[in-house]
Amino acid sequence: MTKVLEVTNLTGGYGAIQILNGIDLYVDHGEFVTIIGPNGCGKSTFIKIIFGMANRYEGKIRYKNKDITGWRADTLVNNGIAYVPQTNNIFPSLTVYENLQMGGLNLLNKELSERISWAYEIFPDVEKRSKDVAESLSGGERQMLAISRALISNPSFMMLDEPTAALSPKFRELIIHKISELRNMGITVLIVEQNARLSLSLSDRGYIFSNGKVIHTSTALEILNDKNIGRYFLGTQN
């Protein structure tokens, strides 16, 4: 199976503050992979380093067998990689429709219109709010808009950082199921998620980070059924 993402011995952090201590991770074509772990263990930093938003010290990052180590964010987007950060992922003063337009500034009008229509098909609730200013949206609606805007670039690989953080149970379920459905559209998914049980229930595989390292990886089902993992990382007591 083709590896969409392959990361080897990745170390990095913010300036002189090292967060990651040699991460090895891969995502195969068509997979939904979830990264879980305690707060501050390096999950979000890992994705930010891939997308050029944190400092890489050592290690290699490959995308579809191509070395993309150190590539700029716009180059990554142009090569089919999308990133949805946890916060500051929309333009609150713009309308919903204008936010979607910002996701395709380099597209011709016809192609941009087609991609916006495609995003609306996936998230019909976003279309209902298309004329509204984005700051008026609920937390769940904002996340749907952020993912919709990322889709405008027509990615083949999408990374999402805590997309259900601080959302109601209803929106958590909706967002995770929508992300899972992206695989049916040919999009490979890597997600960092605190609502671990929910995300793993729809994932193929999982990675557990702790202290900037991968301490366990296996199928999502094996992680969910492991009582020791459940006690420490999934909030279960037995």
Protein backbone atom coordinates (compact mmCIF):
# COMPACT_ATOMS: atom_id res chain seq x y z
CA MET A 1 0.00 0.00 0.00
CA THR A 2 1.25 3.50 -0.85
CA LYS A 3 2.37 5.59 2.10
CA VAL A 4 0.85 9.06 1.84
CA LEU A 5 2.87 10.31 4.80
CA GLU A 6 6.06 8.83 6.22
CA VAL A 7 7.88 10.57 9.06
CA THR A 8 11.16 9.23 10.44
CA ASN A 9 13.08 10.28 13.56
CA LEU A 10 11.38 13.68 13.77
CA THR A 11 12.60 15.98 16.51
CA GLY A 12 11.52 19.57 16.93
CA GLY A 13 9.67 22.18 18.93
CA TYR A 14 9.52 25.94 19.31
CA GLY A 15 12.80 27.79 19.14
CA ALA A 16 15.15 26.14 21.62
CA ILE A 17 12.31 24.33 23.43
CA GLN A 18 12.34 20.73 22.22
CA ILE A 19 8.96 18.97 22.25
CA LEU A 20 9.36 15.95 19.96
CA ASN A 21 12.00 13.30 20.61
CA GLY A 22 12.26 11.09 17.55
CA ILE A 23 8.83 10.40 16.07
CA ASP A 24 8.32 7.62 13.52
CA LEU A 25 4.85 7.59 11.95
CA TYR A 26 3.19 6.71 8.66
CA VAL A 27 -0.24 7.00 7.07
CA ASP A 28 -1.23 4.73 4.19
CA HIS A 29 -3.38 5.83 1.27
CA GLY A 30 -7.06 5.89 2.22
CA GLU A 31 -6.49 5.55 5.95
CA PHE A 32 -8.04 7.45 8.84
CA VAL A 33 -5.34 7.62 11.53
CA THR A 34 -5.81 9.17 14.99
CA ILE A 35 -3.08 10.48 17.30
CA ILE A 36 -4.00 10.50 21.00
CA GLY A 37 -2.14 11.25 24.22
CA PRO A 38 -2.13 13.59 27.21
CA ASN A 39 -2.00 17.36 26.90
CA GLY A 40 1.46 18.69 26.16
CA CYS A 41 2.83 15.43 24.74
CA GLY A 42 3.58 16.89 21.28
CA LYS A 43 0.54 15.84 19.23
CA SER A 44 -0.26 19.28 17.85
CA THR A 45 3.42 20.19 17.54
CA PHE A 46 3.92 17.15 15.33
CA ILE A 47 1.38 18.36 12.77
CA LYS A 48 2.61 21.94 13.00
CA ILE A 49 6.16 20.85 12.17
CA ILE A 50 4.93 19.01 9.09
CA PHE A 51 3.11 22.14 7.97
CA GLY A 52 6.03 24.44 8.72
CA MET A 53 4.47 26.12 11.75
CA ALA A 54 6.96 24.82 14.31
CA ASN A 55 10.70 24.15 14.20
CA ARG A 56 12.12 20.87 12.92
CA TYR A 57 15.54 19.96 14.28
CA GLU A 58 16.11 16.55 12.73
CA GLY A 59 14.23 13.90 10.80
CA LYS A 60 12.62 13.40 7.41
CA ILE A 61 9.08 13.98 6.15
CA ARG A 62 7.96 12.22 2.98
CA TYR A 63 4.67 12.61 1.13
CA LYS A 64 3.82 10.08 -1.57
CA ASN A 65 7.51 9.04 -1.71
CA LYS A 66 8.63 12.66 -2.15
CA ASP A 67 10.82 14.40 0.43
CA ILE A 68 8.83 17.43 1.62
CA THR A 69 11.01 18.24 4.63
CA GLY A 70 11.05 21.99 5.13
CA TRP A 71 8.53 22.82 2.41
CA ARG A 72 6.51 26.02 2.81
CA ALA A 73 2.83 25.78 3.71
CA ASP A 74 1.63 27.15 0.36
CA THR A 75 3.73 24.58 -1.50
CA LEU A 76 2.25 21.80 0.63
CA VAL A 77 -1.27 23.00 -0.14
CA ASN A 78 -0.51 23.14 -3.86
CA ASN A 79 0.65 19.52 -3.64
CA GLY A 80 -2.58 18.26 -2.09
CA ILE A 81 -2.01 18.62 1.66
CA ALA A 82 -4.55 20.49 3.80
CA TYR A 83 -4.26 21.47 7.46
CA VAL A 84 -7.09 22.54 9.76
CA PRO A 85 -5.74 24.07 12.98
CA GLN A 86 -7.64 23.86 16.25
CA THR A 87 -8.11 27.63 16.62
CA ASN A 88 -7.92 30.71 14.41
CA ASN A 89 -9.05 28.57 11.48
CA ILE A 90 -11.59 30.99 9.96
CA PHE A 91 -11.82 34.69 9.19
CA PRO A 92 -14.48 35.87 11.67
CA SER A 93 -15.13 39.25 10.04
CA LEU A 94 -15.88 37.71 6.62
CA THR A 95 -19.05 35.96 5.59
CA VAL A 96 -19.16 32.18 5.35
CA TYR A 97 -19.08 32.40 1.55
CA GLU A 98 -16.12 34.81 1.61
CA ASN A 99 -14.26 32.40 3.90
CA LEU A 100 -14.71 29.66 1.32
CA GLN A 101 -13.49 31.98 -1.42
CA MET A 102 -10.32 32.56 0.61
CA GLY A 103 -9.63 28.85 0.32
CA GLY A 104 -9.28 29.14 -3.45
CA LEU A 105 -7.76 32.50 -4.24
CA ASN A 106 -5.72 31.09 -7.12
CA LEU A 107 -8.64 29.30 -8.77
CA LEU A 108 -10.62 30.48 -11.75
CA ASN A 109 -14.19 31.52 -10.94
CA LYS A 110 -15.79 28.42 -12.47
CA GLU A 111 -13.53 26.00 -10.62
CA LEU A 112 -13.91 27.90 -7.35
CA SER A 113 -17.68 27.85 -7.69
CA GLU A 114 -17.65 24.10 -8.34
CA ARG A 115 -15.51 23.42 -5.28
CA ILE A 116 -17.66 25.59 -3.04
CA SER A 117 -20.71 23.67 -4.27
CA TRP A 118 -18.89 20.42 -3.46
CA ALA A 119 -18.12 21.66 0.06
CA TYR A 120 -21.78 22.58 0.50
CA GLU A 121 -22.78 19.04 -0.47
CA ILE A 122 -20.59 17.68 2.32
CA PHE A 123 -21.64 20.31 4.86
CA PRO A 124 -25.14 21.51 3.96
CA ASP A 125 -25.35 23.41 7.26
CA VAL A 126 -22.54 25.63 6.03
CA GLU A 127 -24.52 26.54 2.91
CA LYS A 128 -27.47 27.59 5.07
CA ARG A 129 -25.22 30.18 6.74
CA SER A 130 -23.41 31.28 3.57
CA LYS A 131 -24.44 34.96 3.84
CA ASP A 132 -23.82 35.23 7.58
CA VAL A 133 -20.70 36.70 9.13
CA ALA A 134 -18.50 33.87 10.35
CA GLU A 135 -18.17 35.25 13.88
CA SER A 136 -21.91 34.59 14.35
CA LEU A 137 -21.43 30.83 13.93
CA SER A 138 -21.49 28.34 16.78
CA GLY A 139 -18.34 26.40 17.61
CA GLY A 140 -19.51 23.38 15.64
CA GLU A 141 -20.46 25.50 12.66
CA ARG A 142 -17.06 27.17 12.71
CA GLN A 143 -15.33 23.81 12.56
CA MET A 144 -17.51 22.74 9.64
CA LEU A 145 -16.60 25.98 7.87
CA ALA A 146 -12.89 25.48 8.58
CA ILE A 147 -12.98 21.97 7.12
CA SER A 148 -15.04 23.18 4.16
CA ARG A 149 -12.50 25.92 3.44
CA ALA A 150 -9.69 23.35 3.53
CA LEU A 151 -11.60 21.24 1.00
CA ILE A 152 -11.58 24.08 -1.52
CA SER A 153 -7.92 23.30 -2.28
CA ASN A 154 -9.02 19.78 -3.34
CA PRO A 155 -6.64 17.94 -1.01
CA SER A 156 -5.73 14.27 -1.16
CA PHE A 157 -4.39 14.35 2.41
CA MET A 158 -5.90 16.29 5.31
CA MET A 159 -4.49 16.87 8.79
CA LEU A 160 -6.78 18.16 11.54
CA ASP A 161 -5.81 19.37 15.01
CA GLU A 162 -8.45 18.77 17.71
CA PRO A 163 -11.48 19.40 15.46
CA THR A 164 -14.00 18.52 18.21
CA ALA A 165 -12.39 20.46 21.07
CA ALA A 166 -14.96 22.28 23.25
CA LEU A 167 -17.87 21.17 21.06
CA SER A 168 -21.20 19.75 22.22
CA PRO A 169 -21.62 15.96 21.99
CA LYS A 170 -23.92 16.45 19.00
CA PHE A 171 -21.32 18.39 17.02
CA ARG A 172 -18.51 16.06 18.09
CA GLU A 173 -20.33 13.11 16.55
CA LEU A 174 -21.22 15.06 13.42
CA ILE A 175 -17.72 16.41 12.82
CA ILE A 176 -15.95 13.08 13.34
CA HIS A 177 -18.39 11.21 11.11
CA LYS A 178 -18.00 13.84 8.38
CA ILE A 179 -14.22 13.55 8.62
CA SER A 180 -14.51 9.78 8.31
CA GLU A 181 -16.66 10.19 5.20
CA LEU A 182 -13.85 12.12 3.50
CA ARG A 183 -12.13 8.78 2.87
CA ASN A 184 -14.97 7.89 0.50
CA MET A 185 -13.92 10.91 -1.53
CA GLY A 186 -10.31 9.77 -1.79
CA ILE A 187 -8.95 11.91 1.04
CA THR A 188 -6.51 10.33 3.50
CA VAL A 189 -6.91 11.66 7.05
CA LEU A 190 -4.57 12.21 10.01
CA ILE A 191 -6.24 13.65 13.09
CA VAL A 192 -5.08 14.76 16.53
CA GLU A 193 -7.99 14.27 18.91
CA GLN A 194 -8.69 14.51 22.64
CA ASN A 195 -12.04 12.73 22.24
CA ALA A 196 -10.01 9.61 21.65
CA ARG A 197 -12.66 6.92 21.92
CA LEU A 198 -14.96 8.68 19.44
CA SER A 199 -12.24 9.22 16.85
CA LEU A 200 -10.70 5.76 17.23
CA SER A 201 -14.11 4.16 16.75
CA LEU A 202 -14.00 5.31 13.12
CA SER A 203 -10.23 5.07 12.56
CA ASP A 204 -8.09 2.39 10.97
CA ARG A 205 -5.06 2.84 13.21
CA GLY A 206 -3.91 4.92 16.13
CA TYR A 207 -0.73 6.33 17.63
CA ILE A 208 -0.28 7.18 21.30
CA PHE A 209 2.14 10.01 22.09
CA SER A 210 3.70 10.67 25.50
CA ASN A 211 6.56 13.02 26.35
CA GLY A 212 7.24 13.72 22.70
CA LYS A 213 7.52 10.07 21.69
CA VAL A 214 5.35 7.36 20.17
CA ILE A 215 4.78 4.90 23.00
CA HIS A 216 2.30 2.64 21.21
CA THR A 217 0.77 2.09 17.79
CA SER A 218 -1.66 -0.54 16.54
CA THR A 219 -5.06 -0.87 14.95
CA ALA A 220 -7.73 1.39 16.39
CA LEU A 221 -9.74 -1.63 17.48
CA GLU A 222 -6.80 -3.07 19.42
CA ILE A 223 -6.27 0.25 21.19
CA LEU A 224 -9.96 0.50 22.09
CA ASN A 225 -9.98 -3.05 23.48
CA ASP A 226 -6.77 -2.75 25.50
CA LYS A 227 -7.77 -2.30 29.15
CA ASN A 228 -4.44 -0.78 30.16
CA ILE A 229 -4.63 1.80 27.38
CA GLY A 230 -8.23 2.48 28.25
CA ARG A 231 -7.37 3.15 31.89
CA TYR A 232 -4.68 5.70 31.10
CA PHE A 233 -5.70 7.25 27.78
CA LEU A 234 -9.39 6.61 27.10
CA GLY A 235 -10.92 7.48 30.44
CA THR A 236 -12.12 3.98 31.29
CA GLN A 237 -11.61 2.37 34.68
CA ASN A 238 -11.52 -1.33 33.84
